[in-house]
Amino acid sequence: MDLATTPLQFGLASGNPLVQLLVLIAAIGVVVLVGRIVLKVAWRLVTIAAVVIGLLLLASMVLPQIL
């Protein structure tokens, strides 16, 4: 099976607008799925950074008074 003829066998290059629309919708779905995973990780990183910075701010306000 040649990679150049694989789309032709499945009718992706047939010019059928419904097939092209299906391929477009599937591509958008993949982008959204990957985006959700990336944003999930990014949201966790932002939350962890906010907590760490908040603790450092609190420590910088409290510790000089104790020392």
PDB file of N, CA and C in Angstrom:
ATOM      1  N   MET A   1       0.851  -1.180   0.000  1.00  0.00           N
ATOM      2  CA  MET A   1       0.000   0.000   0.000  1.00  0.00           C
ATOM      3  C   MET A   1       0.892   1.237   0.000  1.00  0.00           C
ATOM      4  N   ASP A   2       0.750   2.059  -0.997  1.00  0.00           N
ATOM      5  CA  ASP A   2       1.543   3.265  -1.152  1.00  0.00           C
ATOM      6  C   ASP A   2       0.842   4.415  -0.428  1.00  0.00           C
ATOM      7  N   LEU A   3       1.641   5.233   0.271  1.00  0.00           N
ATOM      8  CA  LEU A   3       1.039   6.342   1.010  1.00  0.00           C
ATOM      9  C   LEU A   3       0.426   7.385   0.090  1.00  0.00           C
ATOM     10  N   ALA A   4       0.931   7.485  -1.121  1.00  0.00           N
ATOM     11  CA  ALA A   4       0.387   8.469  -2.060  1.00  0.00           C
ATOM     12  C   ALA A   4      -0.989   8.062  -2.569  1.00  0.00           C
ATOM     13  N   THR A   5      -1.273   6.765  -2.627  1.00  0.00           N
ATOM     14  CA  THR A   5      -2.562   6.320  -3.145  1.00  0.00           C
ATOM     15  C   THR A   5      -3.573   6.012  -2.049  1.00  0.00           C
ATOM     16  N   THR A   6      -3.156   6.053  -0.805  1.00  0.00           N
ATOM     17  CA  THR A   6      -4.075   5.744   0.294  1.00  0.00           C
ATOM     18  C   THR A   6      -5.262   6.698   0.354  1.00  0.00           C
ATOM     19  N   PRO A   7      -5.047   8.035   0.235  1.00  0.00           N
ATOM     20  CA  PRO A   7      -6.236   8.916   0.245  1.00  0.00           C
ATOM     21  C   PRO A   7      -7.170   8.652  -0.915  1.00  0.00           C
ATOM     22  N   LEU A   8      -6.627   8.261  -2.062  1.00  0.00           N
ATOM     23  CA  LEU A   8      -7.485   7.986  -3.215  1.00  0.00           C
ATOM     24  C   LEU A   8      -8.355   6.765  -2.973  1.00  0.00           C
ATOM     25  N   GLN A   9      -7.816   5.781  -2.258  1.00  0.00           N
ATOM     26  CA  GLN A   9      -8.581   4.567  -2.003  1.00  0.00           C
ATOM     27  C   GLN A   9      -9.759   4.842  -1.076  1.00  0.00           C
ATOM     28  N   PHE A  10      -9.618   5.789  -0.191  1.00  0.00           N
ATOM     29  CA  PHE A  10     -10.698   6.102   0.739  1.00  0.00           C
ATOM     30  C   PHE A  10     -11.612   7.206   0.223  1.00  0.00           C
ATOM     31  N   GLY A  11     -11.332   7.731  -0.955  1.00  0.00           N
ATOM     32  CA  GLY A  11     -12.199   8.742  -1.557  1.00  0.00           C
ATOM     33  C   GLY A  11     -11.976  10.137  -1.030  1.00  0.00           C
ATOM     34  N   LEU A  12     -10.829  10.393  -0.384  1.00  0.00           N
ATOM     35  CA  LEU A  12     -10.596  11.716   0.184  1.00  0.00           C
ATOM     36  C   LEU A  12     -10.248  12.736  -0.896  1.00  0.00           C
ATOM     37  N   ALA A  13      -9.726  12.275  -2.013  1.00  0.00           N
ATOM     38  CA  ALA A  13      -9.359  13.187  -3.091  1.00  0.00           C
ATOM     39  C   ALA A  13     -10.401  13.163  -4.204  1.00  0.00           C
ATOM     40  N   SER A  14     -11.584  12.685  -3.911  1.00  0.00           N
ATOM     41  CA  SER A  14     -12.606  12.554  -4.948  1.00  0.00           C
ATOM     42  C   SER A  14     -13.286  13.870  -5.269  1.00  0.00           C
ATOM     43  N   GLY A  15     -13.102  14.873  -4.449  1.00  0.00           N
ATOM     44  CA  GLY A  15     -13.758  16.148  -4.685  1.00  0.00           C
ATOM     45  C   GLY A  15     -15.149  16.211  -4.100  1.00  0.00           C
ATOM     46  N   ASN A  16     -15.574  15.173  -3.410  1.00  0.00           N
ATOM     47  CA  ASN A  16     -16.889  15.156  -2.785  1.00  0.00           C
ATOM     48  C   ASN A  16     -16.884  16.141  -1.607  1.00  0.00           C
ATOM     49  N   PRO A  17     -17.758  17.148  -1.624  1.00  0.00           N
ATOM     50  CA  PRO A  17     -17.741  18.147  -0.553  1.00  0.00           C
ATOM     51  C   PRO A  17     -18.076  17.558   0.823  1.00  0.00           C
ATOM     52  N   LEU A  18     -18.889  16.518   0.865  1.00  0.00           N
ATOM     53  CA  LEU A  18     -19.214  15.918   2.156  1.00  0.00           C
ATOM     54  C   LEU A  18     -18.012  15.212   2.761  1.00  0.00           C
ATOM     55  N   VAL A  19     -17.226  14.566   1.909  1.00  0.00           N
ATOM     56  CA  VAL A  19     -16.010  13.902   2.395  1.00  0.00           C
ATOM     57  C   VAL A  19     -15.014  14.943   2.882  1.00  0.00           C
ATOM     58  N   GLN A  20     -14.874  16.017   2.118  1.00  0.00           N
ATOM     59  CA  GLN A  20     -13.963  17.079   2.531  1.00  0.00           C
ATOM     60  C   GLN A  20     -14.428  17.727   3.828  1.00  0.00           C
ATOM     61  N   LEU A  21     -15.726  17.896   3.982  1.00  0.00           N
ATOM     62  CA  LEU A  21     -16.268  18.464   5.214  1.00  0.00           C
ATOM     63  C   LEU A  21     -16.024  17.540   6.402  1.00  0.00           C
ATOM     64  N   LEU A  22     -16.180  16.247   6.184  1.00  0.00           N
ATOM     65  CA  LEU A  22     -15.924  15.276   7.241  1.00  0.00           C
ATOM     66  C   LEU A  22     -14.460  15.308   7.661  1.00  0.00           C
ATOM     67  N   VAL A  23     -13.554  15.374   6.684  1.00  0.00           N
ATOM     68  CA  VAL A  23     -12.122  15.457   6.995  1.00  0.00           C
ATOM     69  C   VAL A  23     -11.825  16.742   7.765  1.00  0.00           C
ATOM     70  N   LEU A  24     -12.438  17.849   7.364  1.00  0.00           N
ATOM     71  CA  LEU A  24     -12.247  19.122   8.054  1.00  0.00           C
ATOM     72  C   LEU A  24     -12.753  19.050   9.488  1.00  0.00           C
ATOM     73  N   ILE A  25     -13.929  18.497   9.695  1.00  0.00           N
ATOM     74  CA  ILE A  25     -14.496  18.363  11.044  1.00  0.00           C
ATOM     75  C   ILE A  25     -13.616  17.462  11.908  1.00  0.00           C
ATOM     76  N   ALA A  26     -13.113  16.372  11.330  1.00  0.00           N
ATOM     77  CA  ALA A  26     -12.234  15.471  12.073  1.00  0.00           C
ATOM     78  C   ALA A  26     -10.941  16.178  12.453  1.00  0.00           C
ATOM     79  N   ALA A  27     -10.386  16.978  11.548  1.00  0.00           N
ATOM     80  CA  ALA A  27      -9.157  17.721  11.850  1.00  0.00           C
ATOM     81  C   ALA A  27      -9.399  18.738  12.957  1.00  0.00           C
ATOM     82  N   ILE A  28     -10.527  19.421  12.903  1.00  0.00           N
ATOM     83  CA  ILE A  28     -10.862  20.385  13.964  1.00  0.00           C
ATOM     84  C   ILE A  28     -11.033  19.658  15.290  1.00  0.00           C
ATOM     85  N   GLY A  29     -11.647  18.490  15.267  1.00  0.00           N
ATOM     86  CA  GLY A  29     -11.799  17.699  16.491  1.00  0.00           C
ATOM     87  C   GLY A  29     -10.468  17.305  17.098  1.00  0.00           C
ATOM     88  N   VAL A  30      -9.516  16.936  16.250  1.00  0.00           N
ATOM     89  CA  VAL A  30      -8.184  16.585  16.751  1.00  0.00           C
ATOM     90  C   VAL A  30      -7.517  17.807  17.368  1.00  0.00           C
ATOM     91  N   VAL A  31      -7.632  18.954  16.719  1.00  0.00           N
ATOM     92  CA  VAL A  31      -7.039  20.188  17.248  1.00  0.00           C
ATOM     93  C   VAL A  31      -7.666  20.545  18.590  1.00  0.00           C
ATOM     94  N   VAL A  32      -8.974  20.429  18.699  1.00  0.00           N
ATOM     95  CA  VAL A  32      -9.655  20.746  19.962  1.00  0.00           C
ATOM     96  C   VAL A  32      -9.238  19.775  21.064  1.00  0.00           C
ATOM     97  N   LEU A  33      -9.145  18.494  20.734  1.00  0.00           N
ATOM     98  CA  LEU A  33      -8.735  17.496  21.723  1.00  0.00           C
ATOM     99  C   LEU A  33      -7.329  17.765  22.232  1.00  0.00           C
ATOM    100  N   VAL A  34      -6.400  18.020  21.325  1.00  0.00           N
ATOM    101  CA  VAL A  34      -5.020  18.323  21.727  1.00  0.00           C
ATOM    102  C   VAL A  34      -4.989  19.626  22.522  1.00  0.00           C
ATOM    103  N   GLY A  35      -5.768  20.602  22.097  1.00  0.00           N
ATOM    104  CA  GLY A  35      -5.829  21.879  22.817  1.00  0.00           C
ATOM    105  C   GLY A  35      -6.347  21.716  24.231  1.00  0.00           C
ATOM    106  N   ARG A  36      -7.339  20.868  24.412  1.00  0.00           N
ATOM    107  CA  ARG A  36      -7.867  20.634  25.760  1.00  0.00           C
ATOM    108  C   ARG A  36      -6.810  20.032  26.664  1.00  0.00           C
ATOM    109  N   ILE A  37      -6.034  19.094  26.134  1.00  0.00           N
ATOM    110  CA  ILE A  37      -4.992  18.455  26.931  1.00  0.00           C
ATOM    111  C   ILE A  37      -3.918  19.473  27.295  1.00  0.00           C
ATOM    112  N   VAL A  38      -3.511  20.291  26.322  1.00  0.00           N
ATOM    113  CA  VAL A  38      -2.484  21.301  26.580  1.00  0.00           C
ATOM    114  C   VAL A  38      -2.982  22.331  27.583  1.00  0.00           C
ATOM    115  N   LEU A  39      -4.219  22.771  27.436  1.00  0.00           N
ATOM    116  CA  LEU A  39      -4.760  23.754  28.364  1.00  0.00           C
ATOM    117  C   LEU A  39      -4.927  23.182  29.767  1.00  0.00           C
ATOM    118  N   LYS A  40      -5.235  21.894  29.863  1.00  0.00           N
ATOM    119  CA  LYS A  40      -5.351  21.262  31.174  1.00  0.00           C
ATOM    120  C   LYS A  40      -4.013  21.320  31.912  1.00  0.00           C
ATOM    121  N   VAL A  41      -2.934  21.000  31.191  1.00  0.00           N
ATOM    122  CA  VAL A  41      -1.598  21.058  31.785  1.00  0.00           C
ATOM    123  C   VAL A  41      -1.234  22.504  32.103  1.00  0.00           C
ATOM    124  N   ALA A  42      -1.522  23.425  31.188  1.00  0.00           N
ATOM    125  CA  ALA A  42      -1.198  24.838  31.404  1.00  0.00           C
ATOM    126  C   ALA A  42      -1.949  25.391  32.608  1.00  0.00           C
ATOM    127  N   TRP A  43      -3.205  25.023  32.778  1.00  0.00           N
ATOM    128  CA  TRP A  43      -3.992  25.496  33.901  1.00  0.00           C
ATOM    129  C   TRP A  43      -3.385  25.026  35.222  1.00  0.00           C
ATOM    130  N   ARG A  44      -2.921  23.789  35.258  1.00  0.00           N
ATOM    131  CA  ARG A  44      -2.285  23.273  36.470  1.00  0.00           C
ATOM    132  C   ARG A  44      -0.996  24.017  36.761  1.00  0.00           C
ATOM    133  N   LEU A  45      -0.206  24.304  35.728  1.00  0.00           N
ATOM    134  CA  LEU A  45       1.042  25.033  35.929  1.00  0.00           C
ATOM    135  C   LEU A  45       0.787  26.449  36.439  1.00  0.00           C
ATOM    136  N   VAL A  46      -0.229  27.105  35.896  1.00  0.00           N
ATOM    137  CA  VAL A  46      -0.564  28.461  36.352  1.00  0.00           C
ATOM    138  C   VAL A  46      -1.039  28.422  37.801  1.00  0.00           C
ATOM    139  N   THR A  47      -1.831  27.435  38.165  1.00  0.00           N
ATOM    140  CA  THR A  47      -2.314  27.317  39.539  1.00  0.00           C
ATOM    141  C   THR A  47      -1.155  27.074  40.505  1.00  0.00           C
ATOM    142  N   ILE A  48      -0.258  26.177  40.136  1.00  0.00           N
ATOM    143  CA  ILE A  48       0.902  25.896  40.995  1.00  0.00           C
ATOM    144  C   ILE A  48       1.765  27.145  41.128  1.00  0.00           C
ATOM    145  N   ALA A  49       1.994  27.860  40.037  1.00  0.00           N
ATOM    146  CA  ALA A  49       2.800  29.080  40.088  1.00  0.00           C
ATOM    147  C   ALA A  49       2.153  30.140  40.977  1.00  0.00           C
ATOM    148  N   ALA A  50       0.836  30.289  40.890  1.00  0.00           N
ATOM    149  CA  ALA A  50       0.140  31.279  41.717  1.00  0.00           C
ATOM    150  C   ALA A  50       0.259  30.931  43.199  1.00  0.00           C
ATOM    151  N   VAL A  51       0.135  29.657  43.537  1.00  0.00           N
ATOM    152  CA  VAL A  51       0.251  29.236  44.937  1.00  0.00           C
ATOM    153  C   VAL A  51       1.672  29.467  45.440  1.00  0.00           C
ATOM    154  N   VAL A  52       2.671  29.102  44.650  1.00  0.00           N
ATOM    155  CA  VAL A  52       4.068  29.276  45.070  1.00  0.00           C
ATOM    156  C   VAL A  52       4.391  30.757  45.251  1.00  0.00           C
ATOM    157  N   ILE A  53       3.967  31.593  44.315  1.00  0.00           N
ATOM    158  CA  ILE A  53       4.227  33.025  44.427  1.00  0.00           C
ATOM    159  C   ILE A  53       3.485  33.614  45.622  1.00  0.00           C
ATOM    160  N   GLY A  54       2.277  33.169  45.865  1.00  0.00           N
ATOM    161  CA  GLY A  54       1.536  33.635  47.032  1.00  0.00           C
ATOM    162  C   GLY A  54       2.229  33.249  48.334  1.00  0.00           C
ATOM    163  N   LEU A  55       2.733  32.021  48.406  1.00  0.00           N
ATOM    164  CA  LEU A  55       3.459  31.592  49.611  1.00  0.00           C
ATOM    165  C   LEU A  55       4.755  32.376  49.788  1.00  0.00           C
ATOM    166  N   LEU A  56       5.469  32.639  48.694  1.00  0.00           N
ATOM    167  CA  LEU A  56       6.684  33.443  48.786  1.00  0.00           C
ATOM    168  C   LEU A  56       6.379  34.871  49.229  1.00  0.00           C
ATOM    169  N   LEU A  57       5.295  35.436  48.736  1.00  0.00           N
ATOM    170  CA  LEU A  57       4.891  36.782  49.153  1.00  0.00           C
ATOM    171  C   LEU A  57       4.537  36.804  50.630  1.00  0.00           C
ATOM    172  N   LEU A  58       3.780  35.809  51.058  1.00  0.00           N
ATOM    173  CA  LEU A  58       3.412  35.722  52.466  1.00  0.00           C
ATOM    174  C   LEU A  58       4.650  35.542  53.347  1.00  0.00           C
ATOM    175  N   ALA A  59       5.581  34.703  52.915  1.00  0.00           N
ATOM    176  CA  ALA A  59       6.805  34.473  53.686  1.00  0.00           C
ATOM    177  C   ALA A  59       7.648  35.740  53.732  1.00  0.00           C
ATOM    178  N   SER A  60       7.697  36.494  52.653  1.00  0.00           N
ATOM    179  CA  SER A  60       8.496  37.718  52.648  1.00  0.00           C
ATOM    180  C   SER A  60       7.887  38.804  53.550  1.00  0.00           C
ATOM    181  N   MET A  61       6.577  38.736  53.767  1.00  0.00           N
ATOM    182  CA  MET A  61       5.940  39.718  54.650  1.00  0.00           C
ATOM    183  C   MET A  61       6.038  39.289  56.105  1.00  0.00           C
ATOM    184  N   VAL A  62       6.053  37.995  56.387  1.00  0.00           N
ATOM    185  CA  VAL A  62       6.016  37.497  57.762  1.00  0.00           C
ATOM    186  C   VAL A  62       7.430  37.290  58.320  1.00  0.00           C
ATOM    187  N   LEU A  63       8.310  36.679  57.567  1.00  0.00           N
ATOM    188  CA  LEU A  63       9.624  36.314  58.073  1.00  0.00           C
ATOM    189  C   LEU A  63      10.513  37.498  58.487  1.00  0.00           C
ATOM    190  N   PRO A  64      10.545  38.621  57.783  1.00  0.00           N
ATOM    191  CA  PRO A  64      11.379  39.737  58.261  1.00  0.00           C
ATOM    192  C   PRO A  64      10.952  40.247  59.631  1.00  0.00           C
ATOM    193  N   GLN A  65       9.679  40.138  59.962  1.00  0.00           N
ATOM    194  CA  GLN A  65       9.198  40.593  61.268  1.00  0.00           C
ATOM    195  C   GLN A  65       9.628  39.621  62.366  1.00  0.00           C
ATOM    196  N   ILE A  66       9.735  38.349  62.053  1.00  0.00           N
ATOM    197  CA  ILE A  66      10.142  37.342  63.037  1.00  0.00           C
ATOM    198  C   ILE A  66      11.647  37.443  63.284  1.00  0.00           C
ATOM    199  N   LEU A  67      12.423  37.659  62.212  1.00  0.00           N
ATOM    200  CA  LEU A  67      13.865  37.753  62.357  1.00  0.00           C
ATOM    201  C   LEU A  67      14.215  39.055  62.998  1.00  0.00           C
TER     202      LEU A  67
END
